[in-house]
Amino acid sequence: MQDNNEQNTNVAGEVNQNSQATDTEPTMSEATVSPTMAGNATPQKSNLLWWYLGLVLVGTLVFGVWYFMHERTEKTPDTQSVEREYPEVVARVNGEDVSREDFLEGLEQTKAAAASQGADMSDIVVASQVEAQALDVVINTKLLLQAAADAGIAITDEQVDQELAALQERYGGEEGFQAEMAKYGVTLEQLRVDVKEQLTVDAYLTGTEEFSGATVTEEEMTAFYDSLSSQGQDLPPYEEVKAQLEASLIGQKQQVAVSAIIDRLRTAADIETLL
């Protein structure tokens, strides 16, 4: 028989799986299908940040703004190649350039994530969808950063240092942290930029009422629990997993909120794609 801790771990997994299953976005893969596919994609950054993003983006927001972002995928030769040349500027968002470098970073990771889920990257249709997703990701990231700047949000170097220290601790100290960066070819300078961007987006989203105001009722939690139970899941008593159920349901609502925020930003934006 499982003890309570083991059962709680299992139910957390079931809750997360259920959250992803109820998401209405395309489900090519956890990492590639963020709220940006249909105009609500979540920013993807360096592989080292997959875990970090889950922390910064309020955990439950991570699209299981950001599925994304929990699983780090190894780089493979099949997902490294660029099938065609891209212009130096792949898009303009409200007059601001989106660079080929940023696009290729997202494209590489989107390909890797899709391939890890069994997607056939030699299929021209799949490759086209992945490319479109990667472009959506960088455009949506740019929109969120612009919105944060308009809101007067400015992340300090001290805040970045604090988050990097937390990330370093996650990898067991400086040696493990350096090894992880080397593993994925990420420099500290690149990571600082990524962390600053994610802190900026996080501050902007958590400052919106529609995101921060997400709540769930007791009825919603019990209905969710009953739904999991009806699927044959061996769950601990309701009271033992109530907090996990609440976090998962709030996360779902925050995903919807982020999608709405990005949709609104896209509607008001002047976006020119150059691919």
C-alpha atoms as a PDB file:
ATOM      1  CA  MET A   1       0.000   0.000   0.000  1.00  0.00           C
ATOM      2  CA  GLN A   2       1.204   3.508  -0.790  1.00  0.00           C
ATOM      3  CA  ASP A   3       1.836   5.899   2.052  1.00  0.00           C
ATOM      4  CA  ASN A   4       0.261   9.362   2.049  1.00  0.00           C
ATOM      5  CA  ASN A   5       3.327  11.135   0.677  1.00  0.00           C
ATOM      6  CA  GLU A   6       3.547   8.750  -2.241  1.00  0.00           C
ATOM      7  CA  GLN A   7      -0.170   9.073  -2.913  1.00  0.00           C
ATOM      8  CA  ASN A   8       0.070  12.850  -2.831  1.00  0.00           C
ATOM      9  CA  THR A   9       2.890  12.725  -5.353  1.00  0.00           C
ATOM     10  CA  ASN A  10       0.767  10.552  -7.611  1.00  0.00           C
ATOM     11  CA  VAL A  11      -2.261  12.763  -7.379  1.00  0.00           C
ATOM     12  CA  ALA A  12      -0.143  15.774  -8.253  1.00  0.00           C
ATOM     13  CA  GLY A  13       0.812  13.999 -11.429  1.00  0.00           C
ATOM     14  CA  GLU A  14      -2.791  13.139 -12.184  1.00  0.00           C
ATOM     15  CA  VAL A  15      -3.859  16.722 -11.560  1.00  0.00           C
ATOM     16  CA  ASN A  16      -1.199  18.002 -13.940  1.00  0.00           C
ATOM     17  CA  GLN A  17      -2.159  15.498 -16.608  1.00  0.00           C
ATOM     18  CA  ASN A  18      -5.793  16.418 -16.269  1.00  0.00           C
ATOM     19  CA  SER A  19      -4.974  20.115 -16.577  1.00  0.00           C
ATOM     20  CA  GLN A  20      -3.184  19.499 -19.828  1.00  0.00           C
ATOM     21  CA  ALA A  21      -5.936  17.273 -21.104  1.00  0.00           C
ATOM     22  CA  THR A  22      -8.533  19.953 -20.572  1.00  0.00           C
ATOM     23  CA  ASP A  23      -6.503  22.602 -22.374  1.00  0.00           C
ATOM     24  CA  THR A  24      -8.178  23.618 -25.620  1.00  0.00           C
ATOM     25  CA  GLU A  25      -4.937  24.553 -27.367  1.00  0.00           C
ATOM     26  CA  PRO A  26      -3.321  22.199 -29.920  1.00  0.00           C
ATOM     27  CA  THR A  27      -1.494  19.346 -28.237  1.00  0.00           C
ATOM     28  CA  MET A  28       1.505  18.609 -30.445  1.00  0.00           C
ATOM     29  CA  SER A  29       3.568  18.507 -27.270  1.00  0.00           C
ATOM     30  CA  GLU A  30       3.697  20.023 -23.833  1.00  0.00           C
ATOM     31  CA  ALA A  31       6.649  22.198 -24.610  1.00  0.00           C
ATOM     32  CA  THR A  32       5.663  23.381 -28.039  1.00  0.00           C
ATOM     33  CA  VAL A  33       2.002  24.063 -27.592  1.00  0.00           C
ATOM     34  CA  SER A  34       1.708  27.128 -25.494  1.00  0.00           C
ATOM     35  CA  PRO A  35      -0.974  29.745 -25.445  1.00  0.00           C
ATOM     36  CA  THR A  36       0.559  31.183 -28.569  1.00  0.00           C
ATOM     37  CA  MET A  37      -0.442  28.658 -31.110  1.00  0.00           C
ATOM     38  CA  ALA A  38      -3.672  30.457 -31.846  1.00  0.00           C
ATOM     39  CA  GLY A  39      -2.368  33.843 -30.877  1.00  0.00           C
ATOM     40  CA  ASN A  40      -1.522  32.988 -27.313  1.00  0.00           C
ATOM     41  CA  ALA A  41       1.880  31.429 -27.306  1.00  0.00           C
ATOM     42  CA  THR A  42       4.156  31.386 -24.382  1.00  0.00           C
ATOM     43  CA  PRO A  43       7.709  32.588 -24.627  1.00  0.00           C
ATOM     44  CA  GLN A  44      10.329  29.858 -24.929  1.00  0.00           C
ATOM     45  CA  LYS A  45      13.914  30.625 -24.004  1.00  0.00           C
ATOM     46  CA  SER A  46      17.134  28.723 -23.378  1.00  0.00           C
ATOM     47  CA  ASN A  47      16.809  25.053 -22.433  1.00  0.00           C
ATOM     48  CA  LEU A  48      18.379  25.740 -19.067  1.00  0.00           C
ATOM     49  CA  LEU A  49      15.364  27.868 -18.297  1.00  0.00           C
ATOM     50  CA  TRP A  50      12.715  25.166 -18.680  1.00  0.00           C
ATOM     51  CA  TRP A  51      12.730  24.517 -14.942  1.00  0.00           C
ATOM     52  CA  TYR A  52      13.329  28.155 -14.128  1.00  0.00           C
ATOM     53  CA  LEU A  53      10.357  29.342 -16.129  1.00  0.00           C
ATOM     54  CA  GLY A  54       8.113  27.042 -14.170  1.00  0.00           C
ATOM     55  CA  LEU A  55       9.293  28.817 -11.039  1.00  0.00           C
ATOM     56  CA  VAL A  56       9.144  32.377 -12.313  1.00  0.00           C
ATOM     57  CA  LEU A  57       5.864  32.112 -14.140  1.00  0.00           C
ATOM     58  CA  VAL A  58       3.974  31.289 -10.993  1.00  0.00           C
ATOM     59  CA  GLY A  59       4.193  27.547 -11.422  1.00  0.00           C
ATOM     60  CA  THR A  60       0.552  26.936 -12.187  1.00  0.00           C
ATOM     61  CA  LEU A  61       0.678  29.342 -15.095  1.00  0.00           C
ATOM     62  CA  VAL A  62       3.280  27.282 -16.782  1.00  0.00           C
ATOM     63  CA  PHE A  63       1.518  25.755 -19.660  1.00  0.00           C
ATOM     64  CA  GLY A  64       1.961  22.486 -18.539  1.00  0.00           C
ATOM     65  CA  VAL A  65       2.491  30.745 -19.898  1.00  0.00           C
ATOM     66  CA  TRP A  66       4.018  27.838 -20.202  1.00  0.00           C
ATOM     67  CA  TYR A  67       3.852  23.939 -20.326  1.00  0.00           C
ATOM     68  CA  PHE A  68       6.185  25.795 -20.683  1.00  0.00           C
ATOM     69  CA  MET A  69       8.693  24.988 -19.841  1.00  0.00           C
ATOM     70  CA  HIS A  70       9.003  22.150 -17.435  1.00  0.00           C
ATOM     71  CA  GLU A  71      10.787  19.615 -19.612  1.00  0.00           C
ATOM     72  CA  ARG A  72      14.266  20.250 -20.926  1.00  0.00           C
ATOM     73  CA  THR A  73      15.012  18.343 -24.107  1.00  0.00           C
ATOM     74  CA  GLU A  74      18.430  17.290 -25.326  1.00  0.00           C
ATOM     75  CA  LYS A  75      19.569  18.820 -28.592  1.00  0.00           C
ATOM     76  CA  THR A  76      19.724  16.276 -31.391  1.00  0.00           C
ATOM     77  CA  PRO A  77      21.169  16.527 -34.888  1.00  0.00           C
ATOM     78  CA  ASP A  78      17.735  16.019 -36.453  1.00  0.00           C
ATOM     79  CA  THR A  79      16.400  19.144 -34.782  1.00  0.00           C
ATOM     80  CA  GLN A  80      19.436  21.339 -35.210  1.00  0.00           C
ATOM     81  CA  SER A  81      19.422  21.831 -38.935  1.00  0.00           C
ATOM     82  CA  VAL A  82      17.824  24.858 -40.507  1.00  0.00           C
ATOM     83  CA  GLU A  83      16.062  23.860 -43.707  1.00  0.00           C
ATOM     84  CA  ARG A  84      16.123  27.292 -45.274  1.00  0.00           C
ATOM     85  CA  GLU A  85      17.590  30.717 -44.905  1.00  0.00           C
ATOM     86  CA  TYR A  86      15.703  33.256 -42.825  1.00  0.00           C
ATOM     87  CA  PRO A  87      15.917  37.032 -43.110  1.00  0.00           C
ATOM     88  CA  GLU A  88      17.836  38.978 -40.484  1.00  0.00           C
ATOM     89  CA  VAL A  89      14.517  40.413 -39.295  1.00  0.00           C
ATOM     90  CA  VAL A  90      11.713  37.836 -39.195  1.00  0.00           C
ATOM     91  CA  ALA A  91       8.961  40.155 -37.972  1.00  0.00           C
ATOM     92  CA  ARG A  92       8.213  43.661 -36.747  1.00  0.00           C
ATOM     93  CA  VAL A  93       6.023  44.236 -33.734  1.00  0.00           C
ATOM     94  CA  ASN A  94       4.818  47.797 -33.301  1.00  0.00           C
ATOM     95  CA  GLY A  95       7.842  48.918 -35.284  1.00  0.00           C
ATOM     96  CA  GLU A  96      10.316  46.871 -33.222  1.00  0.00           C
ATOM     97  CA  ASP A  97      12.353  44.226 -35.020  1.00  0.00           C
ATOM     98  CA  VAL A  98      12.242  40.544 -34.091  1.00  0.00           C
ATOM     99  CA  SER A  99      15.686  39.201 -34.934  1.00  0.00           C
ATOM    100  CA  ARG A 100      16.537  36.032 -36.773  1.00  0.00           C
ATOM    101  CA  GLU A 101      18.688  35.038 -33.783  1.00  0.00           C
ATOM    102  CA  ASP A 102      15.754  35.133 -31.370  1.00  0.00           C
ATOM    103  CA  PHE A 103      13.548  33.299 -33.853  1.00  0.00           C
ATOM    104  CA  LEU A 104      16.100  30.541 -34.467  1.00  0.00           C
ATOM    105  CA  GLU A 105      16.543  30.038 -30.727  1.00  0.00           C
ATOM    106  CA  GLY A 106      12.836  29.445 -30.364  1.00  0.00           C
ATOM    107  CA  LEU A 107      12.651  27.368 -33.541  1.00  0.00           C
ATOM    108  CA  GLU A 108      15.444  25.057 -32.405  1.00  0.00           C
ATOM    109  CA  GLN A 109      13.750  24.391 -29.094  1.00  0.00           C
ATOM    110  CA  THR A 110      10.313  23.996 -30.629  1.00  0.00           C
ATOM    111  CA  LYS A 111      11.719  21.440 -33.055  1.00  0.00           C
ATOM    112  CA  ALA A 112      13.464  19.548 -30.266  1.00  0.00           C
ATOM    113  CA  ALA A 113      10.318  19.455 -28.164  1.00  0.00           C
ATOM    114  CA  ALA A 114       8.165  18.366 -31.099  1.00  0.00           C
ATOM    115  CA  ALA A 115      10.636  15.648 -32.077  1.00  0.00           C
ATOM    116  CA  SER A 116      10.777  14.378 -28.492  1.00  0.00           C
ATOM    117  CA  GLN A 117       7.024  13.873 -28.698  1.00  0.00           C
ATOM    118  CA  GLY A 118       7.325  11.847 -31.884  1.00  0.00           C
ATOM    119  CA  ALA A 119       6.585  14.559 -34.439  1.00  0.00           C
ATOM    120  CA  ASP A 120       7.992  13.851 -37.893  1.00  0.00           C
ATOM    121  CA  MET A 121      10.048  16.915 -38.657  1.00  0.00           C
ATOM    122  CA  SER A 122      10.591  15.719 -42.225  1.00  0.00           C
ATOM    123  CA  ASP A 123       6.853  16.192 -42.815  1.00  0.00           C
ATOM    124  CA  ILE A 124       6.475  19.554 -44.523  1.00  0.00           C
ATOM    125  CA  VAL A 125       3.131  20.219 -42.813  1.00  0.00           C
ATOM    126  CA  VAL A 126       4.525  19.511 -39.335  1.00  0.00           C
ATOM    127  CA  ALA A 127       7.648  21.549 -40.048  1.00  0.00           C
ATOM    128  CA  SER A 128       5.500  24.465 -41.192  1.00  0.00           C
ATOM    129  CA  GLN A 129       3.371  24.279 -38.032  1.00  0.00           C
ATOM    130  CA  VAL A 130       6.469  24.215 -35.832  1.00  0.00           C
ATOM    131  CA  GLU A 131       7.923  27.204 -37.654  1.00  0.00           C
ATOM    132  CA  ALA A 132       4.666  29.134 -37.243  1.00  0.00           C
ATOM    133  CA  GLN A 133       4.584  28.276 -33.547  1.00  0.00           C
ATOM    134  CA  ALA A 134       8.153  29.462 -33.027  1.00  0.00           C
ATOM    135  CA  LEU A 135       7.360  32.737 -34.758  1.00  0.00           C
ATOM    136  CA  ASP A 136       4.253  33.175 -32.606  1.00  0.00           C
ATOM    137  CA  VAL A 137       6.346  32.581 -29.508  1.00  0.00           C
ATOM    138  CA  VAL A 138       8.857  35.321 -30.264  1.00  0.00           C
ATOM    139  CA  ILE A 139       6.139  37.741 -31.368  1.00  0.00           C
ATOM    140  CA  ASN A 140       4.106  37.150 -28.223  1.00  0.00           C
ATOM    141  CA  THR A 141       7.200  37.524 -26.082  1.00  0.00           C
ATOM    142  CA  LYS A 142       7.916  40.852 -27.749  1.00  0.00           C
ATOM    143  CA  LEU A 143       4.323  41.989 -27.171  1.00  0.00           C
ATOM    144  CA  LEU A 144       4.451  41.089 -23.482  1.00  0.00           C
ATOM    145  CA  LEU A 145       7.784  42.844 -23.009  1.00  0.00           C
ATOM    146  CA  GLN A 146       6.452  45.940 -24.758  1.00  0.00           C
ATOM    147  CA  ALA A 147       3.350  45.906 -22.575  1.00  0.00           C
ATOM    148  CA  ALA A 148       5.528  45.572 -19.479  1.00  0.00           C
ATOM    149  CA  ALA A 149       7.638  48.543 -20.583  1.00  0.00           C
ATOM    150  CA  ASP A 150       4.496  50.602 -21.178  1.00  0.00           C
ATOM    151  CA  ALA A 151       3.380  49.691 -17.658  1.00  0.00           C
ATOM    152  CA  GLY A 152       6.648  51.039 -16.257  1.00  0.00           C
ATOM    153  CA  ILE A 153       7.991  47.651 -15.187  1.00  0.00           C
ATOM    154  CA  ALA A 154      11.766  47.587 -14.851  1.00  0.00           C
ATOM    155  CA  ILE A 155      13.602  44.582 -13.425  1.00  0.00           C
ATOM    156  CA  THR A 156      16.812  45.388 -11.559  1.00  0.00           C
ATOM    157  CA  ASP A 157      20.139  43.579 -11.748  1.00  0.00           C
ATOM    158  CA  GLU A 158      19.675  42.652  -8.102  1.00  0.00           C
ATOM    159  CA  GLN A 159      16.433  40.841  -8.899  1.00  0.00           C
ATOM    160  CA  VAL A 160      18.140  38.957 -11.699  1.00  0.00           C
ATOM    161  CA  ASP A 161      20.996  38.022  -9.360  1.00  0.00           C
ATOM    162  CA  GLN A 162      18.526  36.662  -6.815  1.00  0.00           C
ATOM    163  CA  GLU A 163      16.817  34.466  -9.385  1.00  0.00           C
ATOM    164  CA  LEU A 164      20.126  33.215 -10.748  1.00  0.00           C
ATOM    165  CA  ALA A 165      21.171  32.315  -7.209  1.00  0.00           C
ATOM    166  CA  ALA A 166      17.957  30.322  -6.792  1.00  0.00           C
ATOM    167  CA  LEU A 167      18.565  28.575 -10.092  1.00  0.00           C
ATOM    168  CA  GLN A 168      22.148  27.792  -9.109  1.00  0.00           C
ATOM    169  CA  GLU A 169      20.905  26.247  -5.882  1.00  0.00           C
ATOM    170  CA  ARG A 170      18.466  24.145  -7.899  1.00  0.00           C
ATOM    171  CA  TYR A 171      21.422  22.552  -9.675  1.00  0.00           C
ATOM    172  CA  GLY A 172      23.360  21.846  -6.510  1.00  0.00           C
ATOM    173  CA  GLY A 173      25.702  24.806  -6.478  1.00  0.00           C
ATOM    174  CA  GLU A 174      27.971  26.671  -8.854  1.00  0.00           C
ATOM    175  CA  GLU A 175      29.664  23.592 -10.288  1.00  0.00           C
ATOM    176  CA  GLY A 176      26.398  21.918 -11.233  1.00  0.00           C
ATOM    177  CA  PHE A 177      25.036  25.189 -12.531  1.00  0.00           C
ATOM    178  CA  GLN A 178      28.062  25.763 -14.767  1.00  0.00           C
ATOM    179  CA  ALA A 179      27.868  22.189 -16.017  1.00  0.00           C
ATOM    180  CA  GLU A 180      24.216  22.636 -16.918  1.00  0.00           C
ATOM    181  CA  MET A 181      24.947  25.808 -18.854  1.00  0.00           C
ATOM    182  CA  ALA A 182      27.797  24.096 -20.682  1.00  0.00           C
ATOM    183  CA  LYS A 183      25.547  21.146 -21.463  1.00  0.00           C
ATOM    184  CA  TYR A 184      23.135  23.352 -23.354  1.00  0.00           C
ATOM    185  CA  GLY A 185      25.637  25.848 -24.690  1.00  0.00           C
ATOM    186  CA  VAL A 186      24.177  28.728 -22.698  1.00  0.00           C
ATOM    187  CA  THR A 187      26.398  31.521 -21.422  1.00  0.00           C
ATOM    188  CA  LEU A 188      25.761  33.394 -18.208  1.00  0.00           C
ATOM    189  CA  GLU A 189      25.196  36.557 -20.236  1.00  0.00           C
ATOM    190  CA  GLN A 190      22.501  34.849 -22.317  1.00  0.00           C
ATOM    191  CA  LEU A 191      20.901  33.423 -19.216  1.00  0.00           C
ATOM    192  CA  ARG A 192      20.812  36.836 -17.534  1.00  0.00           C
ATOM    193  CA  VAL A 193      18.938  38.247 -20.523  1.00  0.00           C
ATOM    194  CA  ASP A 194      16.472  35.357 -20.486  1.00  0.00           C
ATOM    195  CA  VAL A 195      15.912  35.603 -16.747  1.00  0.00           C
ATOM    196  CA  LYS A 196      15.371  39.359 -16.938  1.00  0.00           C
ATOM    197  CA  GLU A 197      12.818  38.919 -19.711  1.00  0.00           C
ATOM    198  CA  GLN A 198      10.945  36.241 -17.788  1.00  0.00           C
ATOM    199  CA  LEU A 199      10.898  38.300 -14.600  1.00  0.00           C
ATOM    200  CA  THR A 200       9.583  41.217 -16.640  1.00  0.00           C
ATOM    201  CA  VAL A 201       6.793  39.165 -18.195  1.00  0.00           C
ATOM    202  CA  ASP A 202       5.952  37.625 -14.823  1.00  0.00           C
ATOM    203  CA  ALA A 203       5.714  41.056 -13.189  1.00  0.00           C
ATOM    204  CA  TYR A 204       3.449  42.281 -15.957  1.00  0.00           C
ATOM    205  CA  LEU A 205       1.115  39.286 -15.855  1.00  0.00           C
ATOM    206  CA  THR A 206       0.842  39.189 -12.080  1.00  0.00           C
ATOM    207  CA  GLY A 207       0.004  42.885 -12.177  1.00  0.00           C
ATOM    208  CA  THR A 208      -3.133  42.249 -14.219  1.00  0.00           C
ATOM    209  CA  GLU A 209      -6.431  41.663 -12.465  1.00  0.00           C
ATOM    210  CA  GLU A 210      -7.529  38.939 -14.855  1.00  0.00           C
ATOM    211  CA  PHE A 211      -4.431  36.867 -14.066  1.00  0.00           C
ATOM    212  CA  SER A 212      -3.920  37.608 -10.377  1.00  0.00           C
ATOM    213  CA  GLY A 213      -7.637  37.588  -9.660  1.00  0.00           C
ATOM    214  CA  ALA A 214      -8.140  33.980 -10.731  1.00  0.00           C
ATOM    215  CA  THR A 215      -9.992  32.055  -8.029  1.00  0.00           C
ATOM    216  CA  VAL A 216     -11.855  28.772  -7.743  1.00  0.00           C
ATOM    217  CA  THR A 217     -14.831  27.701  -5.675  1.00  0.00           C
ATOM    218  CA  GLU A 218     -15.212  24.717  -3.400  1.00  0.00           C
ATOM    219  CA  GLU A 219     -17.737  23.335  -5.870  1.00  0.00           C
ATOM    220  CA  GLU A 220     -15.224  23.516  -8.703  1.00  0.00           C
ATOM    221  CA  MET A 221     -12.614  21.695  -6.650  1.00  0.00           C
ATOM    222  CA  THR A 222     -14.943  18.913  -5.570  1.00  0.00           C
ATOM    223  CA  ALA A 223     -16.187  18.507  -9.136  1.00  0.00           C
ATOM    224  CA  PHE A 224     -12.584  18.261 -10.331  1.00  0.00           C
ATOM    225  CA  TYR A 225     -11.793  15.693  -7.652  1.00  0.00           C
ATOM    226  CA  ASP A 226     -14.880  13.662  -8.546  1.00  0.00           C
ATOM    227  CA  SER A 227     -13.896  13.803 -12.209  1.00  0.00           C
ATOM    228  CA  LEU A 228     -10.462  12.385 -11.433  1.00  0.00           C
ATOM    229  CA  SER A 229     -11.985   9.720  -9.220  1.00  0.00           C
ATOM    230  CA  SER A 230     -14.449   8.711 -11.925  1.00  0.00           C
ATOM    231  CA  GLN A 231     -11.497   8.038 -14.231  1.00  0.00           C
ATOM    232  CA  GLY A 232     -10.383   5.292 -11.883  1.00  0.00           C
ATOM    233  CA  GLN A 233      -7.626   7.236 -10.177  1.00  0.00           C
ATOM    234  CA  ASP A 234      -6.563   6.017  -6.742  1.00  0.00           C
ATOM    235  CA  LEU A 235      -6.684   9.342  -4.952  1.00  0.00           C
ATOM    236  CA  PRO A 236      -5.999  10.285  -1.335  1.00  0.00           C
ATOM    237  CA  PRO A 237      -8.876  11.847   0.615  1.00  0.00           C
ATOM    238  CA  TYR A 238     -10.100  15.150  -0.807  1.00  0.00           C
ATOM    239  CA  GLU A 239      -8.833  17.278   2.073  1.00  0.00           C
ATOM    240  CA  GLU A 240      -5.291  15.946   1.616  1.00  0.00           C
ATOM    241  CA  VAL A 241      -5.091  17.084  -2.009  1.00  0.00           C
ATOM    242  CA  LYS A 242      -7.362  20.110  -1.859  1.00  0.00           C
ATOM    243  CA  ALA A 243      -4.470  22.570  -2.151  1.00  0.00           C
ATOM    244  CA  GLN A 244      -3.137  20.783  -5.240  1.00  0.00           C
ATOM    245  CA  LEU A 245      -6.564  20.759  -6.846  1.00  0.00           C
ATOM    246  CA  GLU A 246      -6.962  24.476  -6.164  1.00  0.00           C
ATOM    247  CA  ALA A 247      -3.546  25.282  -7.625  1.00  0.00           C
ATOM    248  CA  SER A 248      -4.253  23.244 -10.741  1.00  0.00           C
ATOM    249  CA  LEU A 249      -7.640  24.860 -11.367  1.00  0.00           C
ATOM    250  CA  ILE A 250      -6.273  28.343 -10.747  1.00  0.00           C
ATOM    251  CA  GLY A 251      -3.489  27.506 -13.180  1.00  0.00           C
ATOM    252  CA  GLN A 252      -6.051  26.604 -15.823  1.00  0.00           C
ATOM    253  CA  LYS A 253      -7.833  29.908 -15.327  1.00  0.00           C
ATOM    254  CA  GLN A 254      -4.548  31.780 -15.447  1.00  0.00           C
ATOM    255  CA  GLN A 255      -3.774  30.096 -18.748  1.00  0.00           C
ATOM    256  CA  VAL A 256      -7.068  31.385 -20.089  1.00  0.00           C
ATOM    257  CA  ALA A 257      -6.241  34.840 -18.733  1.00  0.00           C
ATOM    258  CA  VAL A 258      -2.829  34.859 -20.403  1.00  0.00           C
ATOM    259  CA  SER A 259      -4.402  33.776 -23.667  1.00  0.00           C
ATOM    260  CA  ALA A 260      -6.881  36.633 -23.424  1.00  0.00           C
ATOM    261  CA  ILE A 261      -4.148  39.137 -22.576  1.00  0.00           C
ATOM    262  CA  ILE A 262      -2.037  38.075 -25.535  1.00  0.00           C
ATOM    263  CA  ASP A 263      -5.039  38.058 -27.864  1.00  0.00           C
ATOM    264  CA  ARG A 264      -5.816  41.604 -26.792  1.00  0.00           C
ATOM    265  CA  LEU A 265      -2.235  42.721 -27.326  1.00  0.00           C
ATOM    266  CA  ARG A 266      -2.130  41.116 -30.753  1.00  0.00           C
ATOM    267  CA  THR A 267      -5.405  42.723 -31.798  1.00  0.00           C
ATOM    268  CA  ALA A 268      -4.116  46.182 -30.915  1.00  0.00           C
ATOM    269  CA  ALA A 269      -0.627  45.621 -32.323  1.00  0.00           C
ATOM    270  CA  ASP A 270       0.895  46.365 -35.697  1.00  0.00           C
ATOM    271  CA  ILE A 271       2.497  43.026 -36.570  1.00  0.00           C
ATOM    272  CA  GLU A 272       4.388  42.429 -39.786  1.00  0.00           C
ATOM    273  CA  THR A 273       5.745  38.941 -40.467  1.00  0.00           C
ATOM    274  CA  LEU A 274       8.622  38.696 -42.920  1.00  0.00           C
ATOM    275  CA  LEU A 275       9.111  34.946 -43.359  1.00  0.00           C
END
